[in-house]
């Protein structure tokens, strides 16, 4: 007999964000580097969609990027506050963006940016 408990939990969480499609794209953010987290995310989405970076709707209008940096990376360089398993996920444009405390950023396209299949 199959264990469906995990499937049931996944179904409950599906309502939080639109369903994703395809394999996530990963980029790395260095919190001690010169580039800001917001710039890394926006550039990764621009690269993924093969478009110019989004100037008309800045990421800061959607989410408090400074809060993400503080929660995951601390307030001082090299002051990691969370383990690599801590993540923050939000939707920006047609992507789910997951930022991990180890600096990995995953981009997953939502079904709203690709044709739906039944």
Protein backbone atom coordinates (compact mmCIF):
# COMPACT_ATOMS: atom_id res chain seq x y z
CA UNK A 1 0.00 0.00 0.00
CA UNK A 2 1.41 3.41 -0.99
CA UNK A 3 2.11 6.16 1.52
CA UNK A 4 0.20 9.24 0.30
CA UNK A 5 0.92 11.46 3.31
CA UNK A 6 3.60 13.49 1.50
CA UNK A 7 1.41 13.94 -1.56
CA UNK A 8 -1.41 15.26 0.63
CA UNK A 9 0.90 17.82 2.23
CA UNK A 10 2.18 18.94 -1.16
CA UNK A 11 -1.40 19.43 -2.35
CA UNK A 12 -2.11 21.69 0.63
CA UNK A 13 0.94 23.88 -0.12
CA UNK A 14 0.16 24.16 -3.84
CA UNK A 15 -2.21 27.04 -3.19
CA UNK A 16 0.56 29.34 -1.93
CA UNK A 17 2.12 29.95 -5.34
CA UNK A 18 1.33 29.10 -8.93
CA UNK A 19 2.54 25.71 -10.11
CA UNK A 20 6.05 25.64 -11.52
CA UNK A 21 7.19 24.25 -14.80
CA UNK A 22 10.57 23.05 -16.00
CA UNK A 23 13.85 22.62 -14.19
CA UNK A 24 14.87 25.42 -11.81
CA UNK A 25 17.78 27.63 -12.81
CA UNK A 26 20.38 28.25 -10.13
CA UNK A 27 22.70 31.20 -9.67
CA UNK A 28 25.00 31.98 -6.78
CA UNK A 29 24.97 35.13 -4.67
CA UNK A 30 27.98 36.11 -2.59
CA UNK A 31 26.80 38.20 0.38
CA UNK A 32 30.38 39.44 0.91
CA UNK A 33 30.72 40.50 -2.75
CA UNK A 34 30.07 43.83 -4.42
CA UNK A 35 26.84 42.89 -6.20
CA UNK A 36 23.51 43.41 -4.41
CA UNK A 37 21.08 40.51 -3.96
CA UNK A 38 18.35 42.35 -5.87
CA UNK A 39 20.68 42.90 -8.84
CA UNK A 40 21.63 39.21 -8.94
CA UNK A 41 17.98 38.12 -8.91
CA UNK A 42 16.84 40.63 -11.54
CA UNK A 43 19.80 39.82 -13.82
CA UNK A 44 19.17 36.07 -13.49
CA UNK A 45 15.54 36.57 -14.52
CA UNK A 46 16.59 38.78 -17.43
CA UNK A 47 19.07 36.11 -18.55
CA UNK A 48 16.42 33.41 -18.20
CA UNK A 49 13.84 35.34 -20.26
CA UNK A 50 16.45 36.76 -22.66
CA UNK A 51 15.22 40.30 -22.02
CA UNK A 52 16.62 43.51 -20.61
CA UNK A 53 16.57 43.89 -16.84
CA UNK A 54 13.28 45.10 -15.37
CA UNK A 55 13.45 48.81 -14.68
CA UNK A 56 9.73 49.58 -14.69
CA UNK A 57 8.88 47.33 -11.72
CA UNK A 58 11.87 47.05 -9.41
CA UNK A 59 12.19 44.01 -7.21
CA UNK A 60 12.06 46.31 -4.18
CA UNK A 61 8.42 47.06 -5.06
CA UNK A 62 7.57 43.38 -4.53
CA UNK A 63 9.64 42.29 -1.56
CA UNK A 64 11.92 43.70 1.14
CA UNK A 65 15.27 42.49 -0.18
CA UNK A 66 17.10 43.99 2.80
CA UNK A 67 15.05 41.83 5.15
CA UNK A 68 15.97 38.71 3.15
CA UNK A 69 19.65 39.63 3.37
CA UNK A 70 19.43 40.19 7.11
CA UNK A 71 17.47 37.00 7.80
CA UNK A 72 19.66 34.72 5.70
CA UNK A 73 23.06 36.39 5.63
CA UNK A 74 23.23 38.56 8.76
CA UNK A 75 24.08 42.21 9.09
CA UNK A 76 27.86 41.89 8.88
CA UNK A 77 29.99 40.21 6.20
CA UNK A 78 30.65 36.54 7.01
CA UNK A 79 27.93 36.52 9.70
CA UNK A 80 25.75 33.73 8.32
CA UNK A 81 22.73 33.54 10.57
CA UNK A 82 21.00 30.55 9.05
CA UNK A 83 21.90 27.14 7.85
CA UNK A 84 21.92 26.24 4.17
CA UNK A 85 18.49 24.67 4.63
CA UNK A 86 16.84 28.00 5.44
CA UNK A 87 15.11 29.52 2.44
CA UNK A 88 12.82 32.36 1.49
CA UNK A 89 10.56 31.92 -1.53
CA UNK A 90 8.53 34.60 -3.27
CA UNK A 91 6.99 35.24 -6.67
CA UNK A 92 8.38 37.97 -8.93
CA UNK A 93 7.09 38.36 -12.44
CA UNK A 94 6.42 34.83 -13.70
CA UNK A 95 9.05 33.20 -11.51
CA UNK A 96 9.23 31.64 -8.10
CA UNK A 97 12.47 32.87 -6.56
CA UNK A 98 13.99 30.83 -3.75
CA UNK A 99 16.94 32.34 -1.90
CA UNK A 100 18.91 29.94 0.30
CA UNK A 101 21.18 30.87 3.19
CA UNK A 102 24.16 29.32 1.37
CA UNK A 103 23.80 31.92 -1.41
CA UNK A 104 22.09 29.73 -4.01
CA UNK A 105 19.18 31.39 -5.79
CA UNK A 106 16.75 29.14 -7.65
CA UNK A 107 14.40 30.44 -10.34
CA UNK A 108 11.42 28.34 -11.38
CA UNK A 109 9.05 29.53 -14.07
CA UNK A 110 5.40 29.45 -13.07
CA UNK A 111 2.74 27.92 -15.26
CA UNK A 112 1.50 31.43 -16.02
CA UNK A 113 4.57 31.94 -18.22
CA UNK A 114 4.22 28.69 -20.14
CA UNK A 115 1.26 26.94 -21.79
CA UNK A 116 -0.86 24.87 -19.42
CA UNK A 117 -1.17 21.17 -20.08
CA UNK A 118 -4.14 19.12 -19.01
